[in-house]
Protein backbone atom coordinates (compact mmCIF):
# COMPACT_ATOMS: atom_id res chain seq x y z
CA UNK A 1 5.74 5.34 31.81
CA UNK A 2 2.61 7.16 32.79
CA UNK A 3 0.69 8.65 29.92
CA UNK A 4 -1.86 11.36 29.86
CA UNK A 5 -4.34 12.30 26.87
CA UNK A 6 -5.62 16.03 26.89
CA UNK A 7 -8.61 16.72 24.56
CA UNK A 8 -10.46 20.10 23.90
CA UNK A 9 -13.69 19.04 25.15
CA UNK A 10 -16.10 15.99 25.19
CA UNK A 11 -19.50 16.50 24.38
CA UNK A 12 -20.06 14.75 20.96
CA UNK A 13 -18.59 11.99 18.78
CA UNK A 14 -17.36 13.65 16.01
CA UNK A 15 -14.08 13.14 13.80
CA UNK A 16 -11.56 14.38 16.52
CA UNK A 17 -13.28 11.86 19.02
CA UNK A 18 -12.71 9.02 16.44
CA UNK A 19 -9.01 10.07 16.51
CA UNK A 20 -9.20 9.64 20.30
CA UNK A 21 -10.93 6.39 19.83
CA UNK A 22 -8.10 5.00 17.89
CA UNK A 23 -5.46 6.45 20.15
CA UNK A 24 -7.13 4.52 22.97
CA UNK A 25 -6.87 1.44 20.94
CA UNK A 26 -3.10 1.77 20.42
CA UNK A 27 -2.61 2.21 24.39
CA UNK A 28 -5.18 1.44 27.10
CA UNK A 29 -3.41 3.11 29.96
CA UNK A 30 -4.01 6.91 29.61
CA UNK A 31 -5.45 9.14 31.98
CA UNK A 32 -7.95 11.59 30.36
CA UNK A 33 -8.05 15.32 30.52
CA UNK A 34 -10.37 17.95 29.12
CA UNK A 35 -12.19 21.16 29.63
CA UNK A 36 -15.40 19.77 29.94
CA UNK A 37 -17.10 16.06 29.61
CA UNK A 38 -20.71 15.37 28.93
CA UNK A 39 -20.30 12.50 26.90
CA UNK A 40 -23.37 9.80 26.80
CA UNK A 41 -22.45 6.49 28.42
CA UNK A 42 -22.50 5.00 25.01
CA UNK A 43 -20.21 7.20 23.53
CA UNK A 44 -17.91 7.19 26.30
CA UNK A 45 -17.65 3.40 26.07
CA UNK A 46 -16.61 3.83 22.39
CA UNK A 47 -14.22 6.79 22.69
CA UNK A 48 -12.56 6.27 26.01
CA UNK A 49 -13.31 2.77 26.93
CA UNK A 50 -15.40 3.81 29.61
CA UNK A 51 -12.90 5.80 31.42
CA UNK A 52 -13.29 8.92 33.61
CA UNK A 53 -12.31 12.36 32.22
CA UNK A 54 -10.35 14.85 34.54
CA UNK A 55 -12.21 18.24 33.70
CA UNK A 56 -11.40 21.66 34.27
CA UNK A 57 -13.32 24.27 36.45
CA UNK A 58 -15.54 25.39 33.22
CA UNK A 59 -17.42 21.87 33.89
CA UNK A 60 -19.25 23.38 36.67
CA UNK A 61 -20.15 26.90 35.24
CA UNK A 62 -23.95 27.33 34.89
CA UNK A 63 -25.13 26.58 31.18
CA UNK A 64 -22.03 25.31 30.14
CA UNK A 65 -23.51 22.18 29.00
CA UNK A 66 -25.85 24.10 26.63
CA UNK A 67 -23.22 26.30 25.14
CA UNK A 68 -19.65 25.94 26.43
CA UNK A 69 -18.27 28.29 23.80
CA UNK A 70 -19.32 31.32 25.35
CA UNK A 71 -16.75 30.68 27.86
CA UNK A 72 -14.06 31.01 25.17
CA UNK A 73 -12.01 33.77 27.10
CA UNK A 74 -11.56 31.48 30.03
CA UNK A 75 -10.25 28.09 28.03
CA UNK A 76 -6.45 29.14 28.23
CA UNK A 77 -6.50 29.66 32.02
CA UNK A 78 -8.66 26.42 32.46
CA UNK A 79 -6.51 24.26 30.28
CA UNK A 80 -3.35 25.28 32.11
CA UNK A 81 -5.16 24.37 35.59
CA UNK A 82 -5.20 20.80 34.72
CA UNK A 83 -2.22 19.31 36.57
CA UNK A 84 -0.37 16.91 34.48
CA UNK A 85 3.01 17.13 36.25
CA UNK A 86 3.15 13.19 37.02
CA UNK A 87 3.12 12.15 33.56
CA UNK A 88 6.02 11.03 31.32
CA UNK A 89 4.33 11.40 28.03
CA UNK A 90 1.58 13.74 27.08
CA UNK A 91 -0.53 13.47 23.95
CA UNK A 92 -2.75 16.30 23.18
CA UNK A 93 -5.61 16.28 20.41
CA UNK A 94 -6.05 19.95 19.74
CA UNK A 95 -8.22 22.06 17.24
CA UNK A 96 -8.44 24.74 20.25
CA UNK A 97 -6.39 24.74 23.46
CA UNK A 98 -5.61 21.37 24.35
CA UNK A 99 -2.00 21.66 23.28
CA UNK A 100 -1.74 24.42 25.93
CA UNK A 101 -1.45 22.29 28.81
CA UNK A 102 1.68 22.88 30.97
CA UNK A 103 4.46 20.55 30.68
CA UNK A 104 8.09 20.55 32.00
CA UNK A 105 11.54 19.75 30.22
CA UNK A 106 11.31 16.06 31.54
CA UNK A 107 8.03 15.47 29.76
CA UNK A 108 7.38 14.71 26.25
CA UNK A 109 4.62 16.40 24.58
CA UNK A 110 3.24 15.11 21.19
CA UNK A 111 0.26 17.30 19.66
CA UNK A 112 -2.46 15.73 17.14
CA UNK A 113 -3.35 18.92 15.75
CA UNK A 114 -6.42 18.74 14.01
CA UNK A 115 -6.10 22.64 13.15
CA UNK A 116 -4.92 25.96 14.90
CA UNK A 117 -8.06 27.25 16.30
CA UNK A 118 -9.79 28.36 13.30
CA UNK A 119 -12.20 31.01 14.93
CA UNK A 120 -9.16 32.96 15.89
CA UNK A 121 -7.08 32.84 12.89
CA UNK A 122 -8.22 31.82 8.97
CA UNK A 123 -12.04 32.07 10.07
CA UNK A 124 -11.69 35.10 12.24
CA UNK A 125 -14.03 37.48 10.24
CA UNK A 126 -16.48 34.69 9.22
CA UNK A 127 -16.85 33.69 12.89
CA UNK A 128 -17.51 37.48 14.07
CA UNK A 129 -19.95 37.80 10.83
CA UNK A 130 -21.93 34.73 12.04
CA UNK A 131 -22.19 35.95 15.56
CA UNK A 132 -23.24 39.28 14.60
CA UNK A 133 -20.19 40.70 16.29
CA UNK A 134 -18.36 42.70 13.50
CA UNK A 135 -19.45 46.13 15.31
CA UNK A 136 -20.72 47.45 18.47
CA UNK A 137 -19.46 47.12 22.05
CA UNK A 138 -20.08 43.49 21.90
CA UNK A 139 -17.95 43.21 18.62
CA UNK A 140 -15.27 45.43 20.02
CA UNK A 141 -15.07 42.73 23.30
CA UNK A 142 -15.10 39.68 20.95
CA UNK A 143 -12.32 41.29 19.05
CA UNK A 144 -10.14 41.76 21.89
CA UNK A 145 -10.67 38.18 23.28
CA UNK A 146 -9.65 36.86 19.97
CA UNK A 147 -6.69 39.07 19.77
CA UNK A 148 -5.53 37.71 23.23
CA UNK A 149 -6.21 34.27 22.20
CA UNK A 150 -4.07 34.65 18.88
CA UNK A 151 -1.13 35.70 21.27
CA UNK A 152 -1.80 32.75 23.85
CA UNK A 153 -2.00 30.23 21.04
CA UNK A 154 1.24 31.15 19.41
CA UNK A 155 3.13 31.34 23.09
CA UNK A 156 1.35 27.96 23.96
CA UNK A 157 2.73 26.18 20.76
CA UNK A 158 6.17 26.16 22.28
CA UNK A 159 5.03 23.83 24.61
CA UNK A 160 4.63 21.20 22.23
CA UNK A 161 7.87 18.95 21.31
CA UNK A 162 6.14 17.49 18.05
CA UNK A 163 3.38 18.28 15.97
CA UNK A 164 1.35 15.71 14.03
CA UNK A 165 -1.03 17.26 11.45
CA UNK A 166 -4.25 15.42 10.09
CA UNK A 167 -3.37 16.75 6.48
CA UNK A 168 -0.77 18.51 4.43
CA UNK A 169 -3.30 21.65 4.40
CA UNK A 170 -3.40 21.56 8.47
CA UNK A 171 0.76 21.37 8.20
CA UNK A 172 0.75 24.16 6.16
CA UNK A 173 -1.38 26.32 8.54
CA UNK A 174 0.68 25.01 11.52
CA UNK A 175 3.85 26.47 9.63
CA UNK A 176 2.18 29.81 8.95
CA UNK A 177 0.71 30.15 12.39
CA UNK A 178 3.45 28.65 14.78
CA UNK A 179 6.53 28.45 12.38
CA UNK A 180 6.68 24.90 13.28
CA UNK A 181 6.89 21.75 11.00
CA UNK A 182 4.53 18.79 11.38
CA UNK A 183 4.45 15.18 10.50
CA UNK A 184 1.24 14.30 8.51
CA UNK A 185 -0.63 11.39 9.74
CA UNK A 186 -4.03 11.17 8.16
CA UNK A 187 -6.87 10.74 10.81
CA UNK A 188 -8.47 7.22 10.98
CA UNK A 189 -11.65 6.38 8.84
CA UNK A 190 -13.28 3.08 9.76
CA UNK A 191 -13.51 1.91 6.34
CA UNK A 192 -14.51 -1.52 7.24
CA UNK A 193 -17.94 -0.29 8.37
CA UNK A 194 -18.59 1.30 5.02
CA UNK A 195 -19.26 -1.52 2.57
CA UNK A 196 -18.89 -0.92 -1.33
CA UNK A 197 -22.50 -0.49 -2.94
CA UNK A 198 -22.64 -0.18 -6.60
CA UNK A 199 -26.61 -0.12 -7.21
CA UNK A 200 -27.09 3.57 -6.76
CA UNK A 201 -30.48 5.27 -6.78
CA UNK A 202 -31.35 8.75 -8.06
CA UNK A 203 -30.64 11.29 -5.55
CA UNK A 204 -27.61 12.99 -3.99
CA UNK A 205 -26.63 13.61 -0.22
CA UNK A 206 -25.20 16.32 1.86
CA UNK A 207 -23.96 15.08 5.28
CA UNK A 208 -22.15 16.93 7.88
CA UNK A 209 -23.01 18.87 11.46
CA UNK A 210 -25.22 21.76 10.51
CA UNK A 211 -23.19 24.78 11.45
CA UNK A 212 -22.46 27.68 9.15
CA UNK A 213 -18.75 26.99 7.66
CA UNK A 214 -20.08 23.87 6.33
CA UNK A 215 -21.88 25.58 3.79
CA UNK A 216 -24.95 23.42 3.65
CA UNK A 217 -27.60 26.07 2.83
CA UNK A 218 -25.42 26.72 -0.23
CA UNK A 219 -25.90 23.19 -1.15
CA UNK A 220 -29.80 23.36 -0.60
CA UNK A 221 -30.09 26.58 -2.53
CA UNK A 222 -28.26 25.23 -5.32
CA UNK A 223 -30.34 21.99 -5.56
CA UNK A 224 -33.47 24.40 -5.14
CA UNK A 225 -32.69 25.55 -8.48
CA UNK A 226 -32.55 22.09 -10.13
CA UNK A 227 -36.12 20.77 -9.04
CA UNK A 228 -35.29 17.66 -11.29
CA UNK A 229 -32.70 16.24 -8.85
CA UNK A 230 -33.17 15.05 -5.56
CA UNK A 231 -31.03 15.86 -2.38
CA UNK A 232 -30.96 14.41 1.12
CA UNK A 233 -29.53 16.40 3.95
CA UNK A 234 -28.19 14.32 6.95
CA UNK A 235 -27.18 15.88 10.16
CA UNK A 236 -28.05 17.97 13.15
CA UNK A 237 -26.81 21.31 14.60
CA UNK A 238 -27.77 25.03 14.97
CA UNK A 239 -28.72 25.54 11.34
CA UNK A 240 -31.18 22.74 11.39
CA UNK A 241 -34.29 25.04 11.39
CA UNK A 242 -32.93 27.35 8.59
CA UNK A 243 -32.21 24.41 6.42
CA UNK A 244 -35.58 23.01 6.68
CA UNK A 245 -37.16 26.67 5.86
CA UNK A 246 -35.27 27.09 2.76
CA UNK A 247 -35.61 23.38 1.41
CA UNK A 248 -37.96 23.06 -1.61
CA UNK A 249 -39.80 19.66 -2.31
CA UNK A 250 -36.97 18.01 -4.06
CA UNK A 251 -34.76 18.58 -0.76
CA UNK A 252 -35.37 16.11 2.09
CA UNK A 253 -33.94 17.42 5.55
CA UNK A 254 -33.56 14.12 7.54
CA UNK A 255 -31.75 15.38 10.58
CA UNK A 256 -29.34 13.13 12.39
CA UNK A 257 -29.53 9.59 11.38
CA UNK A 258 -28.07 6.38 13.39
CA UNK A 259 -24.91 4.75 11.83
CA UNK A 260 -26.51 2.08 9.90
CA UNK A 261 -29.05 4.50 8.44
CA UNK A 262 -26.24 7.11 7.38
CA UNK A 263 -24.41 4.10 5.70
CA UNK A 264 -27.44 2.91 3.64
CA UNK A 265 -27.93 6.54 2.59
CA UNK A 266 -24.22 6.82 1.44
CA UNK A 267 -24.25 3.71 -0.32
CA UNK A 268 -27.24 4.23 -2.42
CA UNK A 269 -26.66 7.88 -3.31
CA UNK A 270 -25.14 8.91 -6.76
CA UNK A 271 -22.51 11.20 -5.04
CA UNK A 272 -21.92 13.17 -1.52
CA UNK A 273 -22.04 17.03 -2.18
CA UNK A 274 -19.46 18.58 -0.03
CA UNK A 275 -18.92 22.57 0.27
CA UNK A 276 -16.65 22.97 3.30
CA UNK A 277 -13.23 24.31 3.40
CA UNK A 278 -12.39 21.21 5.45
CA UNK A 279 -9.05 20.23 7.30
CA UNK A 280 -9.44 16.92 6.26
CA UNK A 281 -12.80 15.63 6.04
CA UNK A 282 -13.97 12.00 7.28
CA UNK A 283 -17.24 12.17 5.92
CA UNK A 284 -16.33 12.36 2.23
CA UNK A 285 -13.77 9.34 2.94
CA UNK A 286 -16.81 7.55 4.44
CA UNK A 287 -18.81 8.13 1.29
CA UNK A 288 -15.88 6.88 -0.95
CA UNK A 289 -15.54 3.83 0.84
CA UNK A 290 -19.16 3.07 -0.03
CA UNK A 291 -18.14 3.39 -3.74
CA UNK A 292 -19.98 6.95 -3.77
CA UNK A 293 -18.13 9.48 -5.35
CA UNK A 294 -17.86 13.13 -4.00
CA UNK A 295 -18.83 16.42 -5.54
CA UNK A 296 -16.40 18.73 -3.46
CA UNK A 297 -15.11 22.29 -2.96
CA UNK A 298 -11.55 22.50 -4.38
CA UNK A 299 -10.05 23.53 -0.87
CA UNK A 300 -8.49 22.22 1.95
CA UNK A 301 -8.19 18.26 2.82
CA UNK A 302 -10.51 17.18 -0.08
CA UNK A 303 -7.68 17.84 -2.32
CA UNK A 304 -5.73 15.16 -0.63
CA UNK A 305 -8.68 12.69 -0.72
CA UNK A 306 -10.67 13.14 -3.49
CA UNK A 307 -9.06 12.17 -7.06
CA UNK A 308 -10.76 14.64 -9.75
CA UNK A 309 -12.67 12.49 -12.69
CA UNK A 310 -11.83 9.21 -10.75
CA UNK A 311 -13.41 9.45 -7.26
CA UNK A 312 -15.34 12.83 -7.72
CA UNK A 313 -15.12 16.43 -9.12
CA UNK A 314 -14.37 19.59 -7.83
CA UNK A 315 -16.28 22.88 -7.82
CA UNK A 316 -14.03 26.34 -7.96
CA UNK A 317 -16.12 28.46 -5.74
CA UNK A 318 -18.66 28.36 -2.80
CA UNK A 319 -21.42 29.57 -4.89
CA UNK A 320 -24.91 28.08 -6.21
CA UNK A 321 -23.92 28.44 -9.71
CA UNK A 322 -20.21 26.70 -9.08
CA UNK A 323 -22.24 23.64 -7.52
CA UNK A 324 -24.82 23.47 -10.11
CA UNK A 325 -22.09 23.41 -13.01
CA UNK A 326 -20.17 20.78 -10.87
CA UNK A 327 -23.40 18.48 -10.56
CA UNK A 328 -23.88 18.92 -14.19
CA UNK A 329 -20.41 17.99 -15.07
CA UNK A 330 -20.56 14.99 -12.81
CA UNK A 331 -23.62 13.64 -14.53
CA UNK A 332 -21.83 13.35 -17.86
CA UNK A 333 -18.96 11.30 -16.21
CA UNK A 334 -18.79 7.59 -15.47
CA UNK A 335 -16.99 6.10 -12.27
CA UNK A 336 -15.99 2.84 -11.46
CA UNK A 337 -17.23 2.40 -7.82
CA UNK A 338 -14.65 -0.18 -6.91
CA UNK A 339 -11.71 2.12 -7.69
CA UNK A 340 -13.81 4.89 -5.54
CA UNK A 341 -13.79 2.47 -2.61
CA UNK A 342 -10.13 1.57 -3.02
CA UNK A 343 -9.13 5.15 -2.83
CA UNK A 344 -10.91 5.48 0.84
CA UNK A 345 -8.96 2.43 2.03
CA UNK A 346 -5.76 4.73 1.91
CA UNK A 347 -7.12 6.13 4.89
CA UNK A 348 -7.86 3.20 7.17
CA UNK A 349 -8.31 3.14 10.74
CA UNK A 350 -5.62 0.27 10.80
CA UNK A 351 -3.29 2.42 8.93
CA UNK A 352 -3.58 5.33 11.34
CA UNK A 353 -3.02 3.18 14.39
CA UNK A 354 0.09 1.65 12.95
CA UNK A 355 1.63 4.95 11.74
CA UNK A 356 0.83 6.91 14.81
CA UNK A 357 1.95 4.24 17.32
CA UNK A 358 5.28 4.10 15.25
CA UNK A 359 5.74 7.80 15.62
CA UNK A 360 5.03 7.96 19.14
CA UNK A 361 7.21 5.13 20.09
CA UNK A 362 10.17 6.49 18.06
CA UNK A 363 10.14 9.96 19.50
CA UNK A 364 9.59 8.41 23.15
CA UNK A 365 12.69 6.38 22.58
CA UNK A 366 14.70 9.18 21.49
CA UNK A 367 13.49 11.71 24.03
CA UNK A 368 14.17 9.80 27.13
CA UNK A 369 17.63 8.47 25.87
CA UNK A 370 18.57 12.13 25.24
CA UNK A 371 17.09 13.25 28.40
């Protein structure tokens, strides 16, 4: 059977791309499709085994490499122009529009949904506020685009035969948005790369892409009020300069770090502090694989990956005072680092590849017998 794999975009090696890496580990005969492809050769070799990606017309638009999101209004038509007619099985990896590829009744389409497009749905007002688009002519135009996107998003969900969600949290969002059920298969975490380390040093770590919804500024401001506690911030993104400006002397902003350096920082840290409302959250699981507990916002996928008072503690609000309270609570507890590591092993890469292969094989067999 001919197989196609559609992904929203390729420009970085993030959590969604780790899912693609595992899917290409299971099957090595995919043809790949995406809106854009600006991967480095190193990332292409890791994620796609060096294979070429068939891209949309957006790939050739001016300045797209610098900021592809400004062409948001073109995403639906661009994804629909990718021709997948010659494939028996289509798998889409979608947090935006990849699930909207056109398929017919003779093709099986399985979507691994990282989330319905959050900027159009649950983060709609946050997105507009962050882009300063709550009012004015530009704001009116942005709201009109997002309105059209929501209509298209619901319609295109009917092109998917089976949804797979990366957490129960996302499965609930799929049900709310599309009125569709989804099988939950947690994404792959390469826990073998993150070794248990029990000798902790006296600092905390915050790590993620530095974008507004990750709330790194909130964590930094909380630690600014705790000058006796050290925080290391790891990551790169549009908020890097902002984070550097607001950080006090007890907060060290390290920027992006290579994998070996990141692992070492995780291993020696007292805890990872994580304030985002996350769909799943691979980084908190990676930290736990090092035996490092997590101080997390009690929302989203982290409620499924962190066990309170055993592998971490939760705070109730995305506020500085709530984070401070959680850090103080954390310091009064003791943790068995080997149990923290054991919890992370539930989300291993090997487990994902086994579960996803079994699901796709079963649905493929049934679909083509019935059709």
